[in-house]
């Protein structure tokens, strides 16, 4: 069995991170990253609501991604995800709004 040394593991991890960052310069990868980030967020926080992914789009007015999910009653919720280059931060959660 092939074993990696600690140094090789560190180099491999850094290379994977750099590849991920470079790939996130492409629009399709940015869309996928925004979708995955919201899927994890929705799955962890709102699993009981059974929300289904609908669409992801870039909003040039805000410079962020909007990812839409629909509940079983047909209501659509839009989550805002930033930044454009690596959309992993949930900026707006429509289900967690304060009055």
N, C-alpha and C. Protein backbone atom coordinates (compact mmCIF):
# COMPACT_ATOMS: atom_id res chain seq x y z
N UNK A 1 0.84 -1.18 0.00
CA UNK A 1 0.00 0.00 0.00
C UNK A 1 0.88 1.25 0.00
N UNK A 2 0.49 2.25 -0.76
CA UNK A 2 1.26 3.48 -0.89
C UNK A 2 0.92 4.44 0.25
N UNK A 3 1.94 4.92 0.95
CA UNK A 3 1.74 5.86 2.07
C UNK A 3 2.41 7.17 1.74
N UNK A 4 1.71 8.27 2.05
CA UNK A 4 2.27 9.59 1.85
C UNK A 4 2.94 10.07 3.13
N UNK A 5 4.07 10.73 2.96
CA UNK A 5 4.72 11.33 4.13
C UNK A 5 3.93 12.57 4.54
N UNK A 6 4.21 13.06 5.71
CA UNK A 6 3.53 14.27 6.22
C UNK A 6 3.76 15.45 5.28
N UNK A 7 4.98 15.60 4.80
CA UNK A 7 5.31 16.71 3.89
C UNK A 7 4.52 16.57 2.59
N UNK A 8 4.41 15.37 2.07
CA UNK A 8 3.66 15.15 0.83
C UNK A 8 2.17 15.42 1.03
N UNK A 9 1.65 15.08 2.22
CA UNK A 9 0.24 15.37 2.51
C UNK A 9 -0.01 16.86 2.54
N UNK A 10 0.91 17.61 3.14
CA UNK A 10 0.78 19.07 3.21
C UNK A 10 0.83 19.66 1.80
N UNK A 11 1.76 19.21 1.00
CA UNK A 11 1.90 19.70 -0.38
C UNK A 11 0.64 19.36 -1.19
N UNK A 12 0.14 18.16 -1.03
CA UNK A 12 -1.07 17.74 -1.74
C UNK A 12 -2.27 18.57 -1.31
N UNK A 13 -2.40 18.84 -0.02
CA UNK A 13 -3.50 19.67 0.49
C UNK A 13 -3.41 21.09 -0.07
N UNK A 14 -2.22 21.67 -0.05
CA UNK A 14 -2.04 23.03 -0.58
C UNK A 14 -2.33 23.06 -2.07
N UNK A 15 -1.88 22.07 -2.80
CA UNK A 15 -2.15 21.99 -4.24
C UNK A 15 -3.65 21.88 -4.51
N UNK A 16 -4.36 21.09 -3.72
CA UNK A 16 -5.80 20.95 -3.89
C UNK A 16 -6.51 22.27 -3.61
N UNK A 17 -6.10 22.98 -2.57
CA UNK A 17 -6.69 24.28 -2.26
C UNK A 17 -6.44 25.29 -3.37
N UNK A 18 -5.21 25.32 -3.87
CA UNK A 18 -4.89 26.24 -4.97
C UNK A 18 -5.69 25.91 -6.23
N UNK A 19 -5.85 24.63 -6.51
CA UNK A 19 -6.66 24.21 -7.66
C UNK A 19 -8.11 24.63 -7.47
N UNK A 20 -8.63 24.46 -6.26
CA UNK A 20 -10.01 24.86 -5.97
C UNK A 20 -10.18 26.37 -6.14
N UNK A 21 -9.22 27.14 -5.64
CA UNK A 21 -9.29 28.61 -5.77
C UNK A 21 -9.21 29.01 -7.24
N UNK A 22 -8.31 28.40 -7.99
CA UNK A 22 -8.18 28.71 -9.41
C UNK A 22 -9.44 28.32 -10.18
N UNK A 23 -10.01 27.17 -9.85
CA UNK A 23 -11.22 26.72 -10.54
C UNK A 23 -12.39 27.65 -10.24
N UNK A 24 -12.40 28.27 -9.06
CA UNK A 24 -13.49 29.17 -8.70
C UNK A 24 -13.48 30.48 -9.47
N UNK A 25 -12.56 30.65 -10.38
CA UNK A 25 -12.58 31.82 -11.25
C UNK A 25 -13.52 31.60 -12.44
N UNK A 26 -13.97 30.37 -12.62
CA UNK A 26 -14.90 30.04 -13.70
C UNK A 26 -16.33 30.14 -13.17
N UNK A 27 -17.21 30.73 -13.95
CA UNK A 27 -18.60 30.96 -13.55
C UNK A 27 -19.31 29.68 -13.15
N UNK A 28 -19.15 28.63 -13.91
CA UNK A 28 -19.86 27.38 -13.61
C UNK A 28 -19.44 26.81 -12.26
N UNK A 29 -18.16 26.95 -11.93
CA UNK A 29 -17.67 26.47 -10.64
C UNK A 29 -18.19 27.36 -9.51
N UNK A 30 -18.28 28.67 -9.76
CA UNK A 30 -18.84 29.59 -8.77
C UNK A 30 -20.30 29.24 -8.47
N UNK A 31 -21.06 28.96 -9.52
CA UNK A 31 -22.47 28.56 -9.33
C UNK A 31 -22.55 27.28 -8.50
N UNK A 32 -21.70 26.32 -8.84
CA UNK A 32 -21.69 25.05 -8.11
C UNK A 32 -21.28 25.25 -6.65
N UNK A 33 -20.30 26.11 -6.41
CA UNK A 33 -19.86 26.38 -5.05
C UNK A 33 -20.97 27.04 -4.24
N UNK A 34 -21.67 28.00 -4.84
CA UNK A 34 -22.79 28.66 -4.15
C UNK A 34 -23.89 27.65 -3.84
N UNK A 35 -24.16 26.77 -4.78
CA UNK A 35 -25.20 25.76 -4.58
C UNK A 35 -24.81 24.79 -3.46
N UNK A 36 -23.56 24.35 -3.44
CA UNK A 36 -23.10 23.43 -2.41
C UNK A 36 -23.11 24.10 -1.04
N UNK A 37 -22.67 25.37 -0.98
CA UNK A 37 -22.65 26.09 0.31
C UNK A 37 -24.06 26.21 0.88
N UNK A 38 -25.03 26.57 0.04
CA UNK A 38 -26.40 26.70 0.55
C UNK A 38 -27.02 25.34 0.84
N UNK A 39 -26.66 24.33 0.06
CA UNK A 39 -27.18 22.98 0.33
C UNK A 39 -26.75 22.50 1.71
N UNK A 40 -25.48 22.72 2.05
CA UNK A 40 -24.99 22.35 3.38
C UNK A 40 -25.69 23.17 4.46
N UNK A 41 -25.81 24.47 4.24
CA UNK A 41 -26.44 25.38 5.21
C UNK A 41 -27.90 25.00 5.43
N UNK A 42 -28.64 24.84 4.35
CA UNK A 42 -30.07 24.49 4.44
C UNK A 42 -30.23 23.10 5.06
N UNK A 43 -29.38 22.17 4.67
CA UNK A 43 -29.47 20.82 5.20
C UNK A 43 -29.22 20.77 6.70
N UNK A 44 -28.28 21.56 7.18
CA UNK A 44 -27.97 21.58 8.61
C UNK A 44 -28.99 22.36 9.42
N UNK A 45 -29.43 23.49 8.89
CA UNK A 45 -30.29 24.38 9.66
C UNK A 45 -31.79 24.14 9.45
N UNK A 46 -32.19 23.74 8.25
CA UNK A 46 -33.61 23.63 7.93
C UNK A 46 -33.97 22.27 7.34
N UNK A 47 -33.33 21.23 7.79
CA UNK A 47 -33.60 19.89 7.28
C UNK A 47 -35.07 19.50 7.45
N UNK A 48 -35.68 19.95 8.52
CA UNK A 48 -37.08 19.61 8.82
C UNK A 48 -38.07 20.24 7.83
N UNK A 49 -37.65 21.27 7.08
CA UNK A 49 -38.56 21.94 6.14
C UNK A 49 -38.60 21.27 4.77
N UNK A 50 -37.69 20.33 4.50
CA UNK A 50 -37.64 19.62 3.23
C UNK A 50 -37.60 20.59 2.05
N UNK A 51 -36.66 21.55 2.08
CA UNK A 51 -36.51 22.52 1.00
C UNK A 51 -35.82 21.86 -0.18
N UNK A 52 -36.28 22.20 -1.38
CA UNK A 52 -35.72 21.66 -2.61
C UNK A 52 -35.06 22.77 -3.41
N UNK A 53 -33.85 22.49 -3.90
CA UNK A 53 -33.12 23.45 -4.73
C UNK A 53 -33.91 23.79 -5.99
N UNK A 54 -33.91 25.07 -6.36
CA UNK A 54 -34.60 25.51 -7.58
C UNK A 54 -33.63 26.10 -8.61
N UNK A 55 -32.85 27.12 -8.19
CA UNK A 55 -32.02 27.83 -9.17
C UNK A 55 -30.93 28.61 -8.45
N UNK A 56 -29.87 28.91 -9.18
CA UNK A 56 -28.82 29.80 -8.69
C UNK A 56 -28.52 30.81 -9.81
N UNK A 57 -28.36 32.07 -9.42
CA UNK A 57 -28.01 33.09 -10.41
C UNK A 57 -27.18 34.18 -9.75
N UNK A 58 -26.34 34.80 -10.56
CA UNK A 58 -25.52 35.90 -10.06
C UNK A 58 -26.32 37.19 -10.16
N UNK A 59 -26.29 37.99 -9.11
CA UNK A 59 -26.98 39.27 -9.08
C UNK A 59 -25.96 40.39 -9.22
N UNK A 60 -25.84 40.97 -10.43
CA UNK A 60 -24.83 42.01 -10.63
C UNK A 60 -25.08 43.27 -9.79
N UNK A 61 -26.34 43.52 -9.43
CA UNK A 61 -26.66 44.69 -8.61
C UNK A 61 -25.98 44.61 -7.24
N UNK A 62 -25.93 43.41 -6.68
CA UNK A 62 -25.36 43.22 -5.35
C UNK A 62 -23.96 42.60 -5.39
N UNK A 63 -23.61 41.97 -6.49
CA UNK A 63 -22.32 41.30 -6.61
C UNK A 63 -22.28 39.97 -5.88
N UNK A 64 -23.46 39.39 -5.62
CA UNK A 64 -23.57 38.13 -4.89
C UNK A 64 -24.41 37.15 -5.70
N UNK A 65 -24.45 35.92 -5.19
CA UNK A 65 -25.29 34.89 -5.80
C UNK A 65 -26.59 34.74 -5.02
N UNK A 66 -27.65 34.51 -5.75
CA UNK A 66 -28.95 34.22 -5.16
C UNK A 66 -29.26 32.76 -5.47
N UNK A 67 -29.50 31.99 -4.40
CA UNK A 67 -29.81 30.57 -4.57
C UNK A 67 -31.22 30.35 -4.02
N UNK A 68 -32.11 29.87 -4.89
CA UNK A 68 -33.52 29.70 -4.53
C UNK A 68 -33.83 28.26 -4.14
N UNK A 69 -34.64 28.14 -3.08
CA UNK A 69 -35.15 26.86 -2.61
C UNK A 69 -36.66 26.97 -2.46
N UNK A 70 -37.36 25.87 -2.70
CA UNK A 70 -38.82 25.86 -2.60
C UNK A 70 -39.24 24.86 -1.54
N UNK A 71 -40.25 25.26 -0.72
CA UNK A 71 -40.77 24.32 0.28
C UNK A 71 -41.93 23.53 -0.30
N UNK A 72 -42.47 22.62 0.47
CA UNK A 72 -43.54 21.73 -0.02
C UNK A 72 -44.83 22.47 -0.31
N UNK A 73 -44.99 23.70 0.23
CA UNK A 73 -46.18 24.51 -0.04
C UNK A 73 -46.01 25.43 -1.25
N UNK A 74 -44.84 25.37 -1.89
CA UNK A 74 -44.60 26.17 -3.08
C UNK A 74 -43.97 27.53 -2.82
N UNK A 75 -43.70 27.87 -1.55
CA UNK A 75 -43.04 29.14 -1.25
C UNK A 75 -41.57 29.04 -1.62
N UNK A 76 -41.07 30.12 -2.24
CA UNK A 76 -39.67 30.15 -2.68
C UNK A 76 -38.89 31.07 -1.74
N UNK A 77 -37.70 30.60 -1.34
CA UNK A 77 -36.83 31.36 -0.46
C UNK A 77 -35.50 31.58 -1.16
N UNK A 78 -35.03 32.83 -1.17
CA UNK A 78 -33.77 33.16 -1.81
C UNK A 78 -32.68 33.44 -0.80
N UNK A 79 -31.63 32.67 -0.86
CA UNK A 79 -30.47 32.86 0.02
C UNK A 79 -29.40 33.61 -0.77
N UNK A 80 -28.81 34.64 -0.17
CA UNK A 80 -27.74 35.39 -0.81
C UNK A 80 -26.41 34.84 -0.32
N UNK A 81 -25.50 34.58 -1.28
CA UNK A 81 -24.21 33.98 -0.97
C UNK A 81 -23.10 34.84 -1.59
N UNK A 82 -22.03 35.08 -0.83
CA UNK A 82 -20.92 35.92 -1.30
C UNK A 82 -19.61 35.24 -0.91
N UNK A 83 -18.51 35.74 -1.38
CA UNK A 83 -18.29 36.71 -2.44
C UNK A 83 -18.37 36.05 -3.81
N UNK A 84 -18.33 36.84 -4.84
CA UNK A 84 -18.48 36.32 -6.19
C UNK A 84 -17.40 35.29 -6.53
N UNK A 85 -16.17 35.57 -6.14
CA UNK A 85 -15.07 34.70 -6.53
C UNK A 85 -15.08 33.34 -5.82
N UNK A 86 -15.64 33.27 -4.62
CA UNK A 86 -15.77 32.00 -3.91
C UNK A 86 -16.98 32.08 -2.99
N UNK A 87 -18.18 31.88 -3.54
CA UNK A 87 -19.42 32.09 -2.78
C UNK A 87 -19.69 31.01 -1.73
N UNK A 88 -19.19 31.27 -0.52
CA UNK A 88 -19.36 30.30 0.56
C UNK A 88 -19.95 30.94 1.83
N UNK A 89 -20.16 32.23 1.82
CA UNK A 89 -20.67 32.93 2.99
C UNK A 89 -22.14 33.28 2.75
N UNK A 90 -23.02 32.79 3.62
CA UNK A 90 -24.45 33.07 3.51
C UNK A 90 -24.69 34.47 4.10
N UNK A 91 -25.01 35.43 3.23
CA UNK A 91 -25.25 36.80 3.68
C UNK A 91 -26.68 37.04 4.11
N UNK A 92 -27.61 36.38 3.44
CA UNK A 92 -29.03 36.59 3.74
C UNK A 92 -29.74 35.25 3.83
N UNK A 93 -30.40 35.05 4.96
CA UNK A 93 -31.19 33.85 5.19
C UNK A 93 -32.65 34.31 5.38
N UNK A 94 -33.51 34.10 4.39
CA UNK A 94 -34.89 34.59 4.48
C UNK A 94 -35.71 33.90 5.59
N UNK A 95 -35.25 32.78 6.07
CA UNK A 95 -35.97 32.06 7.12
C UNK A 95 -35.53 32.48 8.52
N UNK A 96 -34.50 33.32 8.59
CA UNK A 96 -33.97 33.76 9.87
C UNK A 96 -34.01 35.29 9.95
N UNK A 97 -35.13 35.87 9.57
CA UNK A 97 -35.27 37.32 9.59
C UNK A 97 -35.82 37.77 10.93
N UNK A 98 -35.23 38.82 11.47
CA UNK A 98 -35.74 39.40 12.72
C UNK A 98 -36.81 40.43 12.39
N UNK A 99 -37.83 40.54 13.25
CA UNK A 99 -38.89 41.52 12.97
C UNK A 99 -38.42 42.94 13.15
